[in-house]
Amino acid sequence: MGQTIFVPREVAGNEPRVAASPDTVKRLVGLGFGVTVEKEAGSLSRIPDEDFKQAGAAIGKAADAARADVVLKLRRPTDAELKTYRKGAVVIATMDPYGNEAEVAAMAKAGITAFAMEFMPRITRAQSMDVLSSQANLAGYRAVIDAAAEYDRALPMMMTAAGTVPAAKVFVMGAGVAGLQAIATARRLGAVVTATDVRAAAGEQVASLGAKFIMTDALKDASGEGGYARELTDDEKKAQAELVADHIAKQDIVITTALIPGRPAPRLVSGEMVKSMRPGSIIVDLAVERGGNVEGAKAGEVVTTANGVKILGHLNVPGRVAASASLLYARNLFAFLETMVDKEKKALAIDFEDELVKATMLTHDGAVVHPNFAGSAKGTEPASKAAPKKAPARRKAAAKPASEKAAGAGAKRTSTASARKPATRKSGGEA
């Protein structure tokens, strides 16, 4: 048998998603891999073991990770999982490294080659590997569904013999991937939708979905490099806050989507703004895992304020649509792994000069190699000289990552520069 891939059942954070699907298992087997899926790994995503078996996978147990050349996961491996991996194994997952430098160092110490899927560069050839976009789309959709479930009125306008039911007013803050999907979903449900973003270019995308774009004249535009948002000045923050404060008091549902990689989520909705809203209004905070955009939001809780406003702080929002999220995530992983496979030899052949590898590799050969973390992890010197070539040049190229806001639950992105600058694609809106 050739090289092997192991897909575990997720153990951290009550994660219902799985990193493979019957379709991707079939494709991986076609590439020459032997695939083992841990028993009931897909049960919470509506994928029974039998479906994996019919696709060509073996059903195994957690200990099978010790023999795997590649491990495909949703979340960063725990210390207990790291102890079961063989040295040199390739582990691909969403690693959430910011603020977790000790865990990154532990992966280096374990000797694995770790790839962070959320660091995938925003270039044309990587569109099919963009886990942030695939998961943020579902987060934006689910945010509206969750809000509608908590809202005790109808969203669309209804004209009946007994009278007219007015349409709900929905305000989306951040026209990134999650925000645009939230706008589209709310519009499909018949709500009157408005949205704001600090990038003027987002206005066209908002309008194309049938929503009204609002933006303070004092801001003009805060677009940064690569289509991302730049940091606002104090005057711009004040002007934006005044605009939002006036508008938010008239809304029935507010959805916030702003995240900044490696930093706490920006505060968009103050306690005073929440107090100005009518009883029964709903706020969905998609950034609650990073501190939240909304004052008073609590991770993993639905908070009802003294004035009757509900603030939804659900964790892992894409996981609340696990069946769909798993299928998309599995395709993202397959598309990336396929680029590292020699089709003729049917074996892994990692090109350390590939821009995708440079952007996403966190650890390799006993060292933390990603430029954003290499300096913060002590005691992780390479065990040999097999680390990626030209690492110093890569560090220099990525020394000044652009500040950006990413739309979506847990949607964090690092803008990693490389020596080459391929044509970038339009993202559909990362706020």
Foldseek 3Di string as FASTA:
>chain_A
DFAEEEWEQDDPPPFQATQAALVLLLVLVVLPYAYEYEACSNVSLVGHPVSNVVSRHHYDHLLCQCRHQEYEGAEADDLVSLVSHAAAREYEYQYLCQVPLVSLLSNLQSRYWYFHLLAFAQADLQPLQHLLLLLLLLLLLLLLVVQCVLFPDQQAWDQDPVGIDHHAEEEEEFQASSRLSNLLNSVVSHHAYEYEYQAPVSQVSSVVSVHHYDDFPVSVGQQDPPRFGADDDPVRLVRLLVVCLVPLLPHQEYEYFWDKASAAGAANAEPVSVVSHAASGEYEWLRVVRVTNYPPDHACDWDQDPRRYTYDRYASSSSVNRNSSNVSSNSSVSSVQVVQADSVVSGGHDQLQDPRNLRTTQHHQQAGQHLVNRVPRPPRDHPDPPPRPPSVQQNVQQVDWGIGIAGGRVNYYTNRGDPDDHDGDDRSGGD
